Amino acid sequence: MKVREVAEKLGLTVISGAAGLDNEINEGYSSDLLSDVMGSAGSGDIWITLQTHKNVMAIASLKDLAAVILVKGFAPDPDMAEQSDEESIPVLGTSEDTFTINGRLYNLLKQ
C-alpha cells in the first residue's frame, strides 16, 4: 500500500515530504527510541513516533523507511520538515495517540 493511500484512509495530515507519497509501505514500526528503530525497523516500514527532531529523518533515510507518523498533534522541528522534503520521506500527522494509530494502521495493512 502506498503512503498516499494510508494517509487518506487514516485521515492523516501530510506535513512535509509530499514528493514521497507514492512510497510503498511494507509494515509499520512504532518506537520512540532511535536506536531501536535503527536496529529493528525494516526498509519500507512506516514509523510511528512522537520524536520531532531532524535525527528522526536521518534514521528514516538510513533505514529507507516509507514515511513517519507523528502522534498526539506533534509537529516536526523546521529542520526535520526540511530534511523530509529533501529526502522525499513524508512526515504525516495525527492527533491520535500511539496506541490508537498503531491499531488502525495494523488493521489497514493486514486487510
PDB file of N, CA and C in Angstrom:
ATOM      1  N   MET A   1       0.850  -1.171   0.000  1.00  0.00           N
ATOM      2  CA  MET A   1       0.000   0.000   0.000  1.00  0.00           C
ATOM      3  C   MET A   1       0.898   1.237   0.000  1.00  0.00           C
ATOM      4  N   LYS A   2       0.488   2.256  -0.704  1.00  0.00           N
ATOM      5  CA  LYS A   2       1.262   3.492  -0.803  1.00  0.00           C
ATOM      6  C   LYS A   2       0.962   4.429   0.376  1.00  0.00           C
ATOM      7  N   VAL A   3       1.940   5.281   0.687  1.00  0.00           N
ATOM      8  CA  VAL A   3       1.785   6.249   1.768  1.00  0.00           C
ATOM      9  C   VAL A   3       0.536   7.097   1.537  1.00  0.00           C
ATOM     10  N   ARG A   4       0.304   7.506   0.319  1.00  0.00           N
ATOM     11  CA  ARG A   4      -0.853   8.333  -0.029  1.00  0.00           C
ATOM     12  C   ARG A   4      -2.161   7.659   0.404  1.00  0.00           C
ATOM     13  N   GLU A   5      -2.280   6.357   0.139  1.00  0.00           N
ATOM     14  CA  GLU A   5      -3.488   5.615   0.492  1.00  0.00           C
ATOM     15  C   GLU A   5      -3.673   5.539   2.006  1.00  0.00           C
ATOM     16  N   VAL A   6      -2.591   5.280   2.712  1.00  0.00           N
ATOM     17  CA  VAL A   6      -2.660   5.197   4.166  1.00  0.00           C
ATOM     18  C   VAL A   6      -3.073   6.547   4.746  1.00  0.00           C
ATOM     19  N   ALA A   7      -2.470   7.623   4.241  1.00  0.00           N
ATOM     20  CA  ALA A   7      -2.805   8.957   4.728  1.00  0.00           C
ATOM     21  C   ALA A   7      -4.288   9.261   4.521  1.00  0.00           C
ATOM     22  N   GLU A   8      -4.803   8.920   3.354  1.00  0.00           N
ATOM     23  CA  GLU A   8      -6.218   9.174   3.060  1.00  0.00           C
ATOM     24  C   GLU A   8      -7.137   8.330   3.931  1.00  0.00           C
ATOM     25  N   LYS A   9      -6.852   7.041   4.025  1.00  0.00           N
ATOM     26  CA  LYS A   9      -7.735   6.135   4.748  1.00  0.00           C
ATOM     27  C   LYS A   9      -7.711   6.349   6.258  1.00  0.00           C
ATOM     28  N   LEU A  10      -6.583   6.830   6.787  1.00  0.00           N
ATOM     29  CA  LEU A  10      -6.487   7.058   8.230  1.00  0.00           C
ATOM     30  C   LEU A  10      -6.698   8.524   8.600  1.00  0.00           C
ATOM     31  N   GLY A  11      -6.934   9.379   7.609  1.00  0.00           N
ATOM     32  CA  GLY A  11      -7.166  10.793   7.874  1.00  0.00           C
ATOM     33  C   GLY A  11      -5.943  11.513   8.415  1.00  0.00           C
ATOM     34  N   LEU A  12      -4.767  11.142   7.918  1.00  0.00           N
ATOM     35  CA  LEU A  12      -3.524  11.751   8.379  1.00  0.00           C
ATOM     36  C   LEU A  12      -3.243  13.034   7.598  1.00  0.00           C
ATOM     37  N   THR A  13      -2.611  13.979   8.243  1.00  0.00           N
ATOM     38  CA  THR A  13      -2.211  15.226   7.616  1.00  0.00           C
ATOM     39  C   THR A  13      -0.814  15.068   7.021  1.00  0.00           C
ATOM     40  N   VAL A  14      -0.639  15.464   5.770  1.00  0.00           N
ATOM     41  CA  VAL A  14       0.687  15.463   5.159  1.00  0.00           C
ATOM     42  C   VAL A  14       1.367  16.763   5.571  1.00  0.00           C
ATOM     43  N   ILE A  15       2.410  16.662   6.373  1.00  0.00           N
ATOM     44  CA  ILE A  15       3.102  17.840   6.896  1.00  0.00           C
ATOM     45  C   ILE A  15       4.251  18.236   5.975  1.00  0.00           C
ATOM     46  N   SER A  16       5.012  17.256   5.510  1.00  0.00           N
ATOM     47  CA  SER A  16       6.157  17.531   4.642  1.00  0.00           C
ATOM     48  C   SER A  16       6.496  16.263   3.861  1.00  0.00           C
ATOM     49  N   GLY A  17       7.411  16.422   2.906  1.00  0.00           N
ATOM     50  CA  GLY A  17       7.861  15.262   2.132  1.00  0.00           C
ATOM     51  C   GLY A  17       6.830  14.727   1.165  1.00  0.00           C
ATOM     52  N   ALA A  18       5.947  15.580   0.656  1.00  0.00           N
ATOM     53  CA  ALA A  18       4.848  15.137  -0.211  1.00  0.00           C
ATOM     54  C   ALA A  18       5.328  14.428  -1.473  1.00  0.00           C
ATOM     55  N   ALA A  19       6.554  14.684  -1.905  1.00  0.00           N
ATOM     56  CA  ALA A  19       7.073  14.013  -3.101  1.00  0.00           C
ATOM     57  C   ALA A  19       7.190  12.500  -2.894  1.00  0.00           C
ATOM     58  N   GLY A  20       7.160  12.046  -1.647  1.00  0.00           N
ATOM     59  CA  GLY A  20       7.274  10.621  -1.352  1.00  0.00           C
ATOM     60  C   GLY A  20       5.955   9.930  -1.072  1.00  0.00           C
ATOM     61  N   LEU A  21       4.851  10.565  -1.408  1.00  0.00           N
ATOM     62  CA  LEU A  21       3.551   9.951  -1.105  1.00  0.00           C
ATOM     63  C   LEU A  21       3.291   8.662  -1.873  1.00  0.00           C
ATOM     64  N   ASP A  22       4.050   8.409  -2.916  1.00  0.00           N
ATOM     65  CA  ASP A  22       3.893   7.148  -3.640  1.00  0.00           C
ATOM     66  C   ASP A  22       4.862   6.071  -3.157  1.00  0.00           C
ATOM     67  N   ASN A  23       5.595   6.352  -2.054  1.00  0.00           N
ATOM     68  CA  ASN A  23       6.452   5.322  -1.460  1.00  0.00           C
ATOM     69  C   ASN A  23       5.575   4.145  -1.033  1.00  0.00           C
ATOM     70  N   GLU A  24       6.084   2.958  -1.229  1.00  0.00           N
ATOM     71  CA  GLU A  24       5.357   1.735  -0.875  1.00  0.00           C
ATOM     72  C   GLU A  24       5.648   1.356   0.575  1.00  0.00           C
ATOM     73  N   ILE A  25       4.585   1.029   1.326  1.00  0.00           N
ATOM     74  CA  ILE A  25       4.709   0.621   2.724  1.00  0.00           C
ATOM     75  C   ILE A  25       4.671  -0.900   2.811  1.00  0.00           C
ATOM     76  N   ASN A  26       5.653  -1.462   3.521  1.00  0.00           N
ATOM     77  CA  ASN A  26       5.679  -2.909   3.752  1.00  0.00           C
ATOM     78  C   ASN A  26       5.032  -3.279   5.083  1.00  0.00           C
ATOM     79  N   GLU A  27       5.417  -2.588   6.140  1.00  0.00           N
ATOM     80  CA  GLU A  27       4.952  -2.856   7.503  1.00  0.00           C
ATOM     81  C   GLU A  27       4.953  -1.553   8.277  1.00  0.00           C
ATOM     82  N   GLY A  28       4.562  -1.629   9.535  1.00  0.00           N
ATOM     83  CA  GLY A  28       4.650  -0.494  10.432  1.00  0.00           C
ATOM     84  C   GLY A  28       5.640  -0.784  11.539  1.00  0.00           C
ATOM     85  N   TYR A  29       6.203   0.279  12.120  1.00  0.00           N
ATOM     86  CA  TYR A  29       7.102   0.131  13.262  1.00  0.00           C
ATOM     87  C   TYR A  29       6.840   1.287  14.210  1.00  0.00           C
ATOM     88  N   SER A  30       6.723   0.998  15.485  1.00  0.00           N
ATOM     89  CA  SER A  30       6.408   2.016  16.483  1.00  0.00           C
ATOM     90  C   SER A  30       7.455   2.007  17.579  1.00  0.00           C
ATOM     91  N   SER A  31       8.124   3.145  17.748  1.00  0.00           N
ATOM     92  CA  SER A  31       9.103   3.288  18.816  1.00  0.00           C
ATOM     93  C   SER A  31       9.515   4.742  18.921  1.00  0.00           C
ATOM     94  N   ASP A  32       9.875   5.160  20.128  1.00  0.00           N
ATOM     95  CA  ASP A  32      10.400   6.496  20.333  1.00  0.00           C
ATOM     96  C   ASP A  32      11.897   6.464  20.605  1.00  0.00           C
ATOM     97  N   LEU A  33      12.493   5.282  20.561  1.00  0.00           N
ATOM     98  CA  LEU A  33      13.933   5.138  20.751  1.00  0.00           C
ATOM     99  C   LEU A  33      14.605   5.014  19.387  1.00  0.00           C
ATOM    100  N   LEU A  34      15.426   5.987  19.039  1.00  0.00           N
ATOM    101  CA  LEU A  34      16.076   5.985  17.732  1.00  0.00           C
ATOM    102  C   LEU A  34      16.934   4.735  17.540  1.00  0.00           C
ATOM    103  N   SER A  35      17.629   4.317  18.580  1.00  0.00           N
ATOM    104  CA  SER A  35      18.488   3.134  18.461  1.00  0.00           C
ATOM    105  C   SER A  35      17.665   1.876  18.189  1.00  0.00           C
ATOM    106  N   ASP A  36      16.475   1.810  18.748  1.00  0.00           N
ATOM    107  CA  ASP A  36      15.590   0.669  18.500  1.00  0.00           C
ATOM    108  C   ASP A  36      15.157   0.638  17.038  1.00  0.00           C
ATOM    109  N   VAL A  37      14.760   1.791  16.517  1.00  0.00           N
ATOM    110  CA  VAL A  37      14.345   1.869  15.116  1.00  0.00           C
ATOM    111  C   VAL A  37      15.516   1.538  14.206  1.00  0.00           C
ATOM    112  N   MET A  38      16.691   2.074  14.533  1.00  0.00           N
ATOM    113  CA  MET A  38      17.873   1.805  13.711  1.00  0.00           C
ATOM    114  C   MET A  38      18.183   0.307  13.681  1.00  0.00           C
ATOM    115  N   GLY A  39      17.985  -0.372  14.789  1.00  0.00           N
ATOM    116  CA  GLY A  39      18.313  -1.786  14.864  1.00  0.00           C
ATOM    117  C   GLY A  39      17.228  -2.726  14.376  1.00  0.00           C
ATOM    118  N   SER A  40      15.964  -2.270  14.363  1.00  0.00           N
ATOM    119  CA  SER A  40      14.880  -3.225  14.122  1.00  0.00           C
ATOM    120  C   SER A  40      13.903  -2.887  13.002  1.00  0.00           C
ATOM    121  N   ALA A  41      13.774  -1.630  12.626  1.00  0.00           N
ATOM    122  CA  ALA A  41      12.826  -1.280  11.557  1.00  0.00           C
ATOM    123  C   ALA A  41      13.355  -1.791  10.220  1.00  0.00           C
ATOM    124  N   GLY A  42      12.425  -2.099   9.330  1.00  0.00           N
ATOM    125  CA  GLY A  42      12.805  -2.624   8.020  1.00  0.00           C
ATOM    126  C   GLY A  42      12.558  -1.621   6.912  1.00  0.00           C
ATOM    127  N   SER A  43      13.229  -1.823   5.833  1.00  0.00           N
ATOM    128  CA  SER A  43      13.040  -0.990   4.650  1.00  0.00           C
ATOM    129  C   SER A  43      11.565  -0.997   4.253  1.00  0.00           C
ATOM    130  N   GLY A  44      11.038   0.172   3.971  1.00  0.00           N
ATOM    131  CA  GLY A  44       9.635   0.289   3.579  1.00  0.00           C
ATOM    132  C   GLY A  44       8.658   0.379   4.728  1.00  0.00           C
ATOM    133  N   ASP A  45       9.152   0.335   5.969  1.00  0.00           N
ATOM    134  CA  ASP A  45       8.257   0.475   7.123  1.00  0.00           C
ATOM    135  C   ASP A  45       7.773   1.918   7.238  1.00  0.00           C
ATOM    136  N   ILE A  46       6.630   2.097   7.854  1.00  0.00           N
ATOM    137  CA  ILE A  46       6.150   3.418   8.241  1.00  0.00           C
ATOM    138  C   ILE A  46       6.324   3.501   9.755  1.00  0.00           C
ATOM    139  N   TRP A  47       7.018   4.530  10.213  1.00  0.00           N
ATOM    140  CA  TRP A  47       7.448   4.656  11.603  1.00  0.00           C
ATOM    141  C   TRP A  47       6.506   5.585  12.355  1.00  0.00           C
ATOM    142  N   ILE A  48       5.974   5.110  13.470  1.00  0.00           N
ATOM    143  CA  ILE A  48       5.105   5.900  14.338  1.00  0.00           C
ATOM    144  C   ILE A  48       5.911   6.336  15.561  1.00  0.00           C
ATOM    145  N   THR A  49       5.934   7.660  15.815  1.00  0.00           N
ATOM    146  CA  THR A  49       6.742   8.193  16.911  1.00  0.00           C
ATOM    147  C   THR A  49       6.200   9.539  17.368  1.00  0.00           C
ATOM    148  N   LEU A  50       6.722  10.018  18.507  1.00  0.00           N
ATOM    149  CA  LEU A  50       6.454  11.380  18.948  1.00  0.00           C
ATOM    150  C   LEU A  50       7.707  12.238  18.868  1.00  0.00           C
ATOM    151  N   GLN A  51       8.795  11.664  18.388  1.00  0.00           N
ATOM    152  CA  GLN A  51      10.045  12.412  18.220  1.00  0.00           C
ATOM    153  C   GLN A  51       9.923  13.379  17.041  1.00  0.00           C
ATOM    154  N   THR A  52      10.412  14.602  17.211  1.00  0.00           N
ATOM    155  CA  THR A  52      10.199  15.637  16.201  1.00  0.00           C
ATOM    156  C   THR A  52      11.478  16.313  15.711  1.00  0.00           C
ATOM    157  N   HIS A  53      12.636  15.774  16.002  1.00  0.00           N
ATOM    158  CA  HIS A  53      13.892  16.418  15.627  1.00  0.00           C
ATOM    159  C   HIS A  53      14.483  15.793  14.368  1.00  0.00           C
ATOM    160  N   LYS A  54      15.483  16.445  13.793  1.00  0.00           N
ATOM    161  CA  LYS A  54      15.999  16.013  12.490  1.00  0.00           C
ATOM    162  C   LYS A  54      16.667  14.639  12.520  1.00  0.00           C
ATOM    163  N   ASN A  55      17.079  14.167  13.684  1.00  0.00           N
ATOM    164  CA  ASN A  55      17.675  12.824  13.747  1.00  0.00           C
ATOM    165  C   ASN A  55      16.678  11.743  13.334  1.00  0.00           C
ATOM    166  N   VAL A  56      15.398  12.033  13.480  1.00  0.00           N
ATOM    167  CA  VAL A  56      14.355  11.100  13.015  1.00  0.00           C
ATOM    168  C   VAL A  56      14.524  10.878  11.512  1.00  0.00           C
ATOM    169  N   MET A  57      14.739  11.953  10.780  1.00  0.00           N
ATOM    170  CA  MET A  57      14.882  11.833   9.330  1.00  0.00           C
ATOM    171  C   MET A  57      16.188  11.149   8.953  1.00  0.00           C
ATOM    172  N   ALA A  58      17.228  11.333   9.740  1.00  0.00           N
ATOM    173  CA  ALA A  58      18.491  10.637   9.478  1.00  0.00           C
ATOM    174  C   ALA A  58      18.279   9.125   9.573  1.00  0.00           C
ATOM    175  N   ILE A  59      17.552   8.684  10.592  1.00  0.00           N
ATOM    176  CA  ILE A  59      17.257   7.256  10.757  1.00  0.00           C
ATOM    177  C   ILE A  59      16.318   6.785   9.649  1.00  0.00           C
ATOM    178  N   ALA A  60      15.298   7.572   9.344  1.00  0.00           N
ATOM    179  CA  ALA A  60      14.345   7.194   8.295  1.00  0.00           C
ATOM    180  C   ALA A  60      15.046   7.016   6.961  1.00  0.00           C
ATOM    181  N   SER A  61      15.989   7.893   6.663  1.00  0.00           N
ATOM    182  CA  SER A  61      16.750   7.792   5.413  1.00  0.00           C
ATOM    183  C   SER A  61      17.682   6.585   5.433  1.00  0.00           C
ATOM    184  N   LEU A  62      18.398   6.409   6.532  1.00  0.00           N
ATOM    185  CA  LEU A  62      19.326   5.283   6.684  1.00  0.00           C
ATOM    186  C   LEU A  62      18.616   3.939   6.516  1.00  0.00           C
ATOM    187  N   LYS A  63      17.422   3.824   7.087  1.00  0.00           N
ATOM    188  CA  LYS A  63      16.661   2.570   7.049  1.00  0.00           C
ATOM    189  C   LYS A  63      15.737   2.470   5.841  1.00  0.00           C
ATOM    190  N   ASP A  64      15.737   3.498   4.985  1.00  0.00           N
ATOM    191  CA  ASP A  64      14.888   3.528   3.786  1.00  0.00           C
ATOM    192  C   ASP A  64      13.413   3.320   4.159  1.00  0.00           C
ATOM    193  N   LEU A  65      12.967   4.091   5.158  1.00  0.00           N
ATOM    194  CA  LEU A  65      11.581   3.997   5.599  1.00  0.00           C
ATOM    195  C   LEU A  65      10.666   4.706   4.613  1.00  0.00           C
ATOM    196  N   ALA A  66       9.415   4.275   4.562  1.00  0.00           N
ATOM    197  CA  ALA A  66       8.448   4.844   3.628  1.00  0.00           C
ATOM    198  C   ALA A  66       7.927   6.190   4.098  1.00  0.00           C
ATOM    199  N   ALA A  67       7.733   6.360   5.413  1.00  0.00           N
ATOM    200  CA  ALA A  67       7.178   7.590   5.965  1.00  0.00           C
ATOM    201  C   ALA A  67       7.293   7.550   7.483  1.00  0.00           C
ATOM    202  N   VAL A  68       6.991   8.697   8.092  1.00  0.00           N
ATOM    203  CA  VAL A  68       6.969   8.842   9.546  1.00  0.00           C
ATOM    204  C   VAL A  68       5.617   9.425   9.928  1.00  0.00           C
ATOM    205  N   ILE A  69       5.002   8.863  10.960  1.00  0.00           N
ATOM    206  CA  ILE A  69       3.764   9.412  11.506  1.00  0.00           C
ATOM    207  C   ILE A  69       4.070   9.999  12.884  1.00  0.00           C
ATOM    208  N   LEU A  70       3.762  11.279  13.056  1.00  0.00           N
ATOM    209  CA  LEU A  70       3.884  11.924  14.356  1.00  0.00           C
ATOM    210  C   LEU A  70       2.525  11.884  15.047  1.00  0.00           C
ATOM    211  N   VAL A  71       2.516  11.476  16.307  1.00  0.00           N
ATOM    212  CA  VAL A  71       1.274  11.288  17.068  1.00  0.00           C
ATOM    213  C   VAL A  71       0.959  12.500  17.939  1.00  0.00           C
ATOM    214  N   LYS A  72      -0.264  12.489  18.511  1.00  0.00           N
ATOM    215  CA  LYS A  72      -0.700  13.437  19.534  1.00  0.00           C
ATOM    216  C   LYS A  72      -0.578  14.893  19.115  1.00  0.00           C
ATOM    217  N   GLY A  73      -0.679  15.165  17.816  1.00  0.00           N
ATOM    218  CA  GLY A  73      -0.635  16.539  17.339  1.00  0.00           C
ATOM    219  C   GLY A  73       0.749  17.155  17.309  1.00  0.00           C
ATOM    220  N   PHE A  74       1.777  16.354  17.521  1.00  0.00           N
ATOM    221  CA  PHE A  74       3.144  16.876  17.481  1.00  0.00           C
ATOM    222  C   PHE A  74       3.484  17.330  16.065  1.00  0.00           C
ATOM    223  N   ALA A  75       4.283  18.387  15.967  1.00  0.00           N
ATOM    224  CA  ALA A  75       4.737  18.911  14.675  1.00  0.00           C
ATOM    225  C   ALA A  75       6.250  18.775  14.586  1.00  0.00           C
ATOM    226  N   PRO A  76       6.765  18.538  13.390  1.00  0.00           N
ATOM    227  CA  PRO A  76       8.219  18.385  13.254  1.00  0.00           C
ATOM    228  C   PRO A  76       8.939  19.713  13.466  1.00  0.00           C
ATOM    229  N   ASP A  77      10.148  19.644  13.997  1.00  0.00           N
ATOM    230  CA  ASP A  77      11.002  20.815  14.030  1.00  0.00           C
ATOM    231  C   ASP A  77      11.242  21.257  12.587  1.00  0.00           C
ATOM    232  N   PRO A  78      11.498  22.538  12.356  1.00  0.00           N
ATOM    233  CA  PRO A  78      11.696  23.014  10.982  1.00  0.00           C
ATOM    234  C   PRO A  78      12.775  22.255  10.212  1.00  0.00           C
ATOM    235  N   ASP A  79      13.881  21.906  10.875  1.00  0.00           N
ATOM    236  CA  ASP A  79      14.938  21.180  10.162  1.00  0.00           C
ATOM    237  C   ASP A  79      14.528  19.741   9.844  1.00  0.00           C
ATOM    238  N   MET A  80      13.639  19.148  10.638  1.00  0.00           N
ATOM    239  CA  MET A  80      13.110  17.819  10.323  1.00  0.00           C
ATOM    240  C   MET A  80      12.229  17.896   9.083  1.00  0.00           C
ATOM    241  N   ALA A  81      11.353  18.886   9.042  1.00  0.00           N
ATOM    242  CA  ALA A  81      10.465  19.054   7.884  1.00  0.00           C
ATOM    243  C   ALA A  81      11.274  19.324   6.620  1.00  0.00           C
ATOM    244  N   GLU A  82      12.314  20.130   6.734  1.00  0.00           N
ATOM    245  CA  GLU A  82      13.163  20.437   5.582  1.00  0.00           C
ATOM    246  C   GLU A  82      13.845  19.175   5.055  1.00  0.00           C
ATOM    247  N   GLN A  83      14.390  18.371   5.957  1.00  0.00           N
ATOM    248  CA  GLN A  83      15.048  17.133   5.534  1.00  0.00           C
ATOM    249  C   GLN A  83      14.038  16.147   4.956  1.00  0.00           C
ATOM    250  N   SER A  84      12.828  16.127   5.490  1.00  0.00           N
ATOM    251  CA  SER A  84      11.767  15.285   4.952  1.00  0.00           C
ATOM    252  C   SER A  84      11.508  15.630   3.486  1.00  0.00           C
ATOM    253  N   ASP A  85      11.441  16.923   3.192  1.00  0.00           N
ATOM    254  CA  ASP A  85      11.249  17.367   1.808  1.00  0.00           C
ATOM    255  C   ASP A  85      12.435  16.968   0.932  1.00  0.00           C
ATOM    256  N   GLU A  86      13.650  17.137   1.445  1.00  0.00           N
ATOM    257  CA  GLU A  86      14.860  16.806   0.680  1.00  0.00           C
ATOM    258  C   GLU A  86      14.952  15.313   0.388  1.00  0.00           C
ATOM    259  N   GLU A  87      14.552  14.480   1.338  1.00  0.00           N
ATOM    260  CA  GLU A  87      14.675  13.022   1.220  1.00  0.00           C
ATOM    261  C   GLU A  87      13.440  12.377   0.590  1.00  0.00           C
ATOM    262  N   SER A  88      12.376  13.152   0.393  1.00  0.00           N
ATOM    263  CA  SER A  88      11.092  12.624  -0.111  1.00  0.00           C
ATOM    264  C   SER A  88      10.571  11.483   0.769  1.00  0.00           C
ATOM    265  N   ILE A  89      10.707  11.696   2.082  1.00  0.00           N
ATOM    266  CA  ILE A  89      10.147  10.777   3.071  1.00  0.00           C
ATOM    267  C   ILE A  89       9.062  11.555   3.808  1.00  0.00           C
ATOM    268  N   PRO A  90       7.796  11.263   3.537  1.00  0.00           N
ATOM    269  CA  PRO A  90       6.719  12.045   4.138  1.00  0.00           C
ATOM    270  C   PRO A  90       6.685  11.976   5.660  1.00  0.00           C
ATOM    271  N   VAL A  91       6.393  13.124   6.246  1.00  0.00           N
ATOM    272  CA  VAL A  91       6.049  13.200   7.661  1.00  0.00           C
ATOM    273  C   VAL A  91       4.555  13.474   7.703  1.00  0.00           C
ATOM    274  N   LEU A  92       3.834  12.573   8.353  1.00  0.00           N
ATOM    275  CA  LEU A  92       2.381  12.651   8.466  1.00  0.00           C
ATOM    276  C   LEU A  92       2.028  12.929   9.918  1.00  0.00           C
ATOM    277  N   GLY A  93       0.900  13.559  10.134  1.00  0.00           N
ATOM    278  CA  GLY A  93       0.500  13.875  11.494  1.00  0.00           C
ATOM    279  C   GLY A  93      -0.888  13.368  11.831  1.00  0.00           C
ATOM    280  N   THR A  94      -1.079  13.091  13.124  1.00  0.00           N
ATOM    281  CA  THR A  94      -2.379  12.697  13.658  1.00  0.00           C
ATOM    282  C   THR A  94      -2.510  13.243  15.074  1.00  0.00           C
ATOM    283  N   SER A  95      -3.726  13.502  15.486  1.00  0.00           N
ATOM    284  CA  SER A  95      -3.974  13.911  16.872  1.00  0.00           C
ATOM    285  C   SER A  95      -4.143  12.687  17.768  1.00  0.00           C
ATOM    286  N   GLU A  96      -4.235  11.521  17.169  1.00  0.00           N
ATOM    287  CA  GLU A  96      -4.436  10.286  17.936  1.00  0.00           C
ATOM    288  C   GLU A  96      -3.165   9.906  18.701  1.00  0.00           C
ATOM    289  N   ASP A  97      -3.353   9.110  19.748  1.00  0.00           N
ATOM    290  CA  ASP A  97      -2.198   8.618  20.489  1.00  0.00           C
ATOM    291  C   ASP A  97      -1.586   7.408  19.769  1.00  0.00           C
ATOM    292  N   THR A  98      -0.432   7.001  20.230  1.00  0.00           N
ATOM    293  CA  THR A  98       0.312   5.920  19.584  1.00  0.00           C
ATOM    294  C   THR A  98      -0.477   4.621  19.540  1.00  0.00           C
ATOM    295  N   PHE A  99      -1.107   4.254  20.635  1.00  0.00           N
ATOM    296  CA  PHE A  99      -1.864   3.013  20.702  1.00  0.00           C
ATOM    297  C   PHE A  99      -2.956   2.982  19.633  1.00  0.00           C
ATOM    298  N   THR A 100      -3.700   4.065  19.534  1.00  0.00           N
ATOM    299  CA  THR A 100      -4.830   4.117  18.607  1.00  0.00           C
ATOM    300  C   THR A 100      -4.380   4.044  17.158  1.00  0.00           C
ATOM    301  N   ILE A 101      -3.386   4.847  16.782  1.00  0.00           N
ATOM    302  CA  ILE A 101      -2.945   4.857  15.383  1.00  0.00           C
ATOM    303  C   ILE A 101      -2.244   3.548  15.029  1.00  0.00           C
ATOM    304  N   ASN A 102      -1.565   2.937  15.992  1.00  0.00           N
ATOM    305  CA  ASN A 102      -0.970   1.616  15.740  1.00  0.00           C
ATOM    306  C   ASN A 102      -2.044   0.601  15.358  1.00  0.00           C
ATOM    307  N   GLY A 103      -3.115   0.576  16.127  1.00  0.00           N
ATOM    308  CA  GLY A 103      -4.187  -0.378  15.854  1.00  0.00           C
ATOM    309  C   GLY A 103      -4.844  -0.130  14.511  1.00  0.00           C
ATOM    310  N   ARG A 104      -5.102   1.125  14.218  1.00  0.00           N
ATOM    311  CA  ARG A 104      -5.742   1.463  12.942  1.00  0.00           C
ATOM    312  C   ARG A 104      -4.830   1.127  11.764  1.00  0.00           C
ATOM    313  N   LEU A 105      -3.539   1.432  11.897  1.00  0.00           N
ATOM    314  CA  LEU A 105      -2.596   1.122  10.822  1.00  0.00           C
ATOM    315  C   LEU A 105      -2.466  -0.392  10.645  1.00  0.00           C
ATOM    316  N   TYR A 106      -2.366  -1.121  11.726  1.00  0.00           N
ATOM    317  CA  TYR A 106      -2.273  -2.567  11.662  1.00  0.00           C
ATOM    318  C   TYR A 106      -3.473  -3.153  10.920  1.00  0.00           C
ATOM    319  N   ASN A 107      -4.660  -2.744  11.310  1.00  0.00           N
ATOM    320  CA  ASN A 107      -5.878  -3.264  10.655  1.00  0.00           C
ATOM    321  C   ASN A 107      -5.904  -2.919   9.168  1.00  0.00           C
ATOM    322  N   LEU A 108      -5.467  -1.738   8.811  1.00  0.00           N
ATOM    323  CA  LEU A 108      -5.444  -1.330   7.411  1.00  0.00           C
ATOM    324  C   LEU A 108      -4.435  -2.142   6.602  1.00  0.00           C
ATOM    325  N   LEU A 109      -3.240  -2.303   7.126  1.00  0.00           N
ATOM    326  CA  LEU A 109      -2.195  -3.013   6.378  1.00  0.00           C
ATOM    327  C   LEU A 109      -2.449  -4.511   6.299  1.00  0.00           C
ATOM    328  N   LYS A 110      -3.205  -5.076   7.237  1.00  0.00           N
ATOM    329  CA  LYS A 110      -3.446  -6.524   7.270  1.00  0.00           C
ATOM    330  C   LYS A 110      -4.724  -6.926   6.542  1.00  0.00           C
ATOM    331  N   GLN A 111      -5.431  -5.983   5.914  1.00  0.00           N
ATOM    332  CA  GLN A 111      -6.658  -6.320   5.187  1.00  0.00           C
ATOM    333  C   GLN A 111      -6.352  -7.196   3.995  1.00  0.00           C
TER     334      GLN A 111
END
